[in-house]
Amino acid sequence: MASTQASFHSNSLQETVRPLAAFPENIWSDRIAPFTPDKEEHEMYEREIEMLKAEVNSTLLATGKTMMERFDFIDKIERLGVPHHFDIEIENQLQEFFNVYTNFGEYSAYDLSSAALQFRLFRQHGFNVSCGIFDQFTDAEGKFKESLCYDTRGLLSLYEASHVRTHGDEILEEALAFTTTHLTSGGPHLDSTPAKQVKYALEQPLHKGIPRYEAWRYISIYEEDESHNKVLLRLAKLDYHLLQMSYKEDLCEITRWGKELESVSKFPYARSRFVECYFWAVGALYEPQYSLARMTTAKAGAVLTMIDDIYDAYGTLDELQILTSSVESHILPACQSTVAGDFIRNSARSPRIDSQGVRIRLAQYQKQQIQEGTGCQCPKFRALLVPVEDEINELPQQWRTTEMLGLWKNYMRTSFTQSRWFFTNKLPSFADYLSNGAITIGAILVSSAALLYMDCALEDVINWLSTNPKLMAAYSTHMRLMNDFGGHKFDKERGSGTALECYMKDYNVSEEEAARKFREMWEDTWKVMNEECLRPTPIPRDVLKMLLNITRVSETVYKHRIDGFTQPHAIEDHIRAMLVDFMSI
């Protein structure tokens, strides 16, 4: 968000004061080495994975197992990061269990760990099971029995289950408080491995963790379990390694693309975060079939970052007004203009807009604005406009639709509104800030970019997205709250306003009280998202998972009151685990 610094003009001399930010440098510029997968090695791993998949599938479908043994095996498959190999089998089994075992009152023999695992898996897959399964563990007053406080395994399972709660799940609110209290007090007294698991879970609940990173962690934990399934473990390791090879190849392409854009020279004031953008894309869609969707999502994130920093950390208000009007009236419509339209339709290779024609019109527009007395005479104005034009020209052809261009226009408008508030020293109401900020956070644009390359995202999904449904509203709000929470200290030091300050002003509360309220608000958005992912829903589950996964990355990046995107060392370990350091196999 722009600081309150402004431009100053005089008849003889113009002095421009810019809201520059001392962003940390790109820590990955010299660490991403060129990578070409070994074809023979790749094929060898693929063949072994196919054999391992067949064995795991046989175990998954084997008859003679109890329902809880099947639930436990499904949980292991998912936590080890290989559910994409068994989507149909897992779906069929859970549907079968849901049809037969929904009357939990008849199954009071379940222990707490088993009951909570069943509940969590059903809810995570969209099956709207009742919280009644937990009634057997409460007393006459609806409180969890104190005898459970010694069952660490059960408490941990219940704690994880409490995070799939929705509005009205009062017993799960009680479960979260109960388990948090007893795990916090009892965890330090456990043996080393269980104590580490409890400590980590309290910091990062499974339901809110990035699936690929959680798989990386769990593989080492599962390997230490003497009863582990050797075939399943081998499959998990090979699959993780093979996907890392694909990620490394894509990451090299993303960094090459970034260098070709000359983003560092064009945007010296902006954050160079191509690796972080690809990390976010892998967090959202890690499965092998979504390589193109990941690349597109990462590029969208990179473009958004550069534009965001123009508004927040470079442009003056006069420049930003011209920029916004120019992009809306001249650059974006050029995607559908006669000249550019013919160029796109007739081009057999990756299309680019006729930049020369667009630049002529931009120059004419700039001249007109200056003649009318509304333009900025800053000599760096062209340096500000041209890179933005180039970035928008880089957008894939699929983005050049009325709907997608409408999203970009709205993003630019709201970014300018945000800048105007703070250039004029105006703190808006918290409601106005949040409404505007849910757009400027770019969540809808990033997810729309991913949807373009998801086969399941048909026209009805795009239409659903355009109506700003409850899930999308909660998803965007969560990201805005998390971003402002994590970046508050950095923004405050450079004189920028944030959502926390707007809330403090509106409700006359301290920063700590506002921070506590923010935690409540983003927990509320999780409840909404959990509700909206329950069946029946016309939206494909892969789309729902993608939206939840982007939220999970946001939760990880910002929750410790650090903006891990701006301060990249904060998420360095996650990036190394997922993208850089190969897993030992």
Foldseek 3Di string as FASTA:
>chain_A
DAFQDFWDDDPVDTDGDWLFAPFDADPCLPPQDAADDDVVVLVVLVVLLVVLLVVLVCVLPPPPDDLLVNLVSQVVCQLLPNCVSVVPVVVVSLVVCCVPCQPLVVVLVDDLLSLLSNLQVCLVQFADHDPVNCPSQADPVLAGDPVCLVVLNSLLSLCLSLLLAFPPNVSSVNSNVVSLVSLVVCLVVDPDPSSVVSVVCNVPRPLLAQSLLSSLVVLVVLVPPPPHDPSSSVSSQSVLQSLLSVLSNLLVVQVVVVVVLVCCVLQVSFHDFLLVQLLLLCSLPVDPLQSVLSSLLSLLVRLLRSVLCCLHRGDHLQLLVLLLCLCLPQQLCLCVDPQQVVQVVPDPDFGFGPVVVSVVVSVVSQVVCVVVVSHDPPPCSCSSRPSNSVSVRPRGNVCSDPLNSVLVSLLSVLSSVLSVCNNVPHQDALVVCLVSQLSVLCLLVSLVSSLVSDPQCDPVNVVVSSVCDLLSSLLSSLLQLLQCQQCVVSQVVSRHDHSLNNHCVVVVDDSVVSSVVSVVSNSNSSSSLSVQSHPDDPRDNSSSSSSSSSSSVSCQQRVVSHNCSSVVVSCVVVSCSNHNPRDDD
